[in-house]
Protein backbone atom coordinates (compact mmCIF):
# COMPACT_ATOMS: atom_id res chain seq x y z
CA UNK A 1 95.23 99.54 72.66
CA UNK A 2 91.83 98.95 74.23
CA UNK A 3 90.36 101.07 76.99
CA UNK A 4 90.60 98.12 79.39
CA UNK A 5 94.32 97.66 78.76
CA UNK A 6 94.90 101.41 79.08
CA UNK A 7 93.09 101.46 82.42
CA UNK A 8 95.16 98.49 83.62
CA UNK A 9 98.33 100.30 82.57
CA UNK A 10 97.11 103.28 84.59
CA UNK A 11 96.60 101.01 87.62
CA UNK A 12 100.18 99.75 87.34
CA UNK A 13 101.48 103.33 87.10
CA UNK A 14 99.45 104.40 90.13
CA UNK A 15 100.80 101.46 92.14
CA UNK A 16 104.34 102.48 91.23
CA UNK A 17 103.70 106.09 92.19
CA UNK A 18 102.15 105.06 95.49
CA UNK A 19 105.09 102.81 96.31
CA UNK A 20 107.50 105.65 95.55
CA UNK A 21 105.59 108.06 97.78
CA UNK A 22 105.59 105.54 100.63
CA UNK A 23 109.33 105.00 100.18
CA UNK A 24 109.98 108.75 100.21
CA UNK A 25 107.98 109.03 103.44
CA UNK A 26 110.09 106.30 105.03
CA UNK A 27 113.40 107.75 103.90
CA UNK A 28 112.99 111.41 104.81
CA UNK A 29 113.85 112.84 108.19
CA UNK A 30 111.84 116.01 107.52
CA UNK A 31 108.50 115.65 109.28
CA UNK A 32 106.70 118.06 106.93
CA UNK A 33 107.91 116.11 103.91
CA UNK A 34 107.05 112.80 105.60
CA UNK A 35 103.51 114.06 106.22
CA UNK A 36 103.19 115.30 102.64
CA UNK A 37 104.39 112.00 101.14
CA UNK A 38 102.18 109.95 103.47
CA UNK A 39 99.13 112.02 102.59
CA UNK A 40 99.88 111.79 98.87
CA UNK A 41 100.29 108.01 99.17
CA UNK A 42 96.91 107.75 100.91
CA UNK A 43 95.23 109.89 98.26
CA UNK A 44 96.84 107.78 95.55
CA UNK A 45 95.46 104.64 97.24
CA UNK A 46 91.96 106.12 97.17
CA UNK A 47 92.29 106.87 93.46
CA UNK A 48 93.73 103.42 92.88
CA UNK A 49 90.76 101.81 94.63
CA UNK A 50 88.37 103.72 92.35
CA UNK A 51 90.27 102.85 89.17
CA UNK A 52 90.54 99.18 90.18
CA UNK A 53 86.79 99.19 90.74
CA UNK A 54 86.39 100.45 87.20
CA UNK A 55 88.64 97.62 85.94
CA UNK A 56 86.27 95.16 87.61
CA UNK A 57 83.32 96.80 85.86
CA UNK A 58 85.10 96.64 82.51
CA UNK A 59 85.95 92.98 83.01
CA UNK A 60 82.36 92.19 83.95
CA UNK A 61 81.06 94.03 80.88
CA UNK A 62 83.74 92.66 78.55
CA UNK A 63 84.96 89.26 79.82
CA UNK A 64 87.62 89.05 77.12
CA UNK A 65 89.63 91.70 79.02
CA UNK A 66 90.06 89.58 82.16
CA UNK A 67 93.68 88.92 82.97
CA UNK A 68 95.14 91.48 80.56
């Protein structure tokens, strides 16, 4: 497995984790838990933005990885 495909797999996993955190925040009645899940989802989005930026760099450097 290439680095580019591994990074893209990581992006997919991060998106899943973020979606789960957002869902937990919506479903809980506990305000402390809601705040924790919301904060974690926001932090995950920041990480996701950085990793997706790296995917763009990889695709620009190695065009054969586009679309994988």
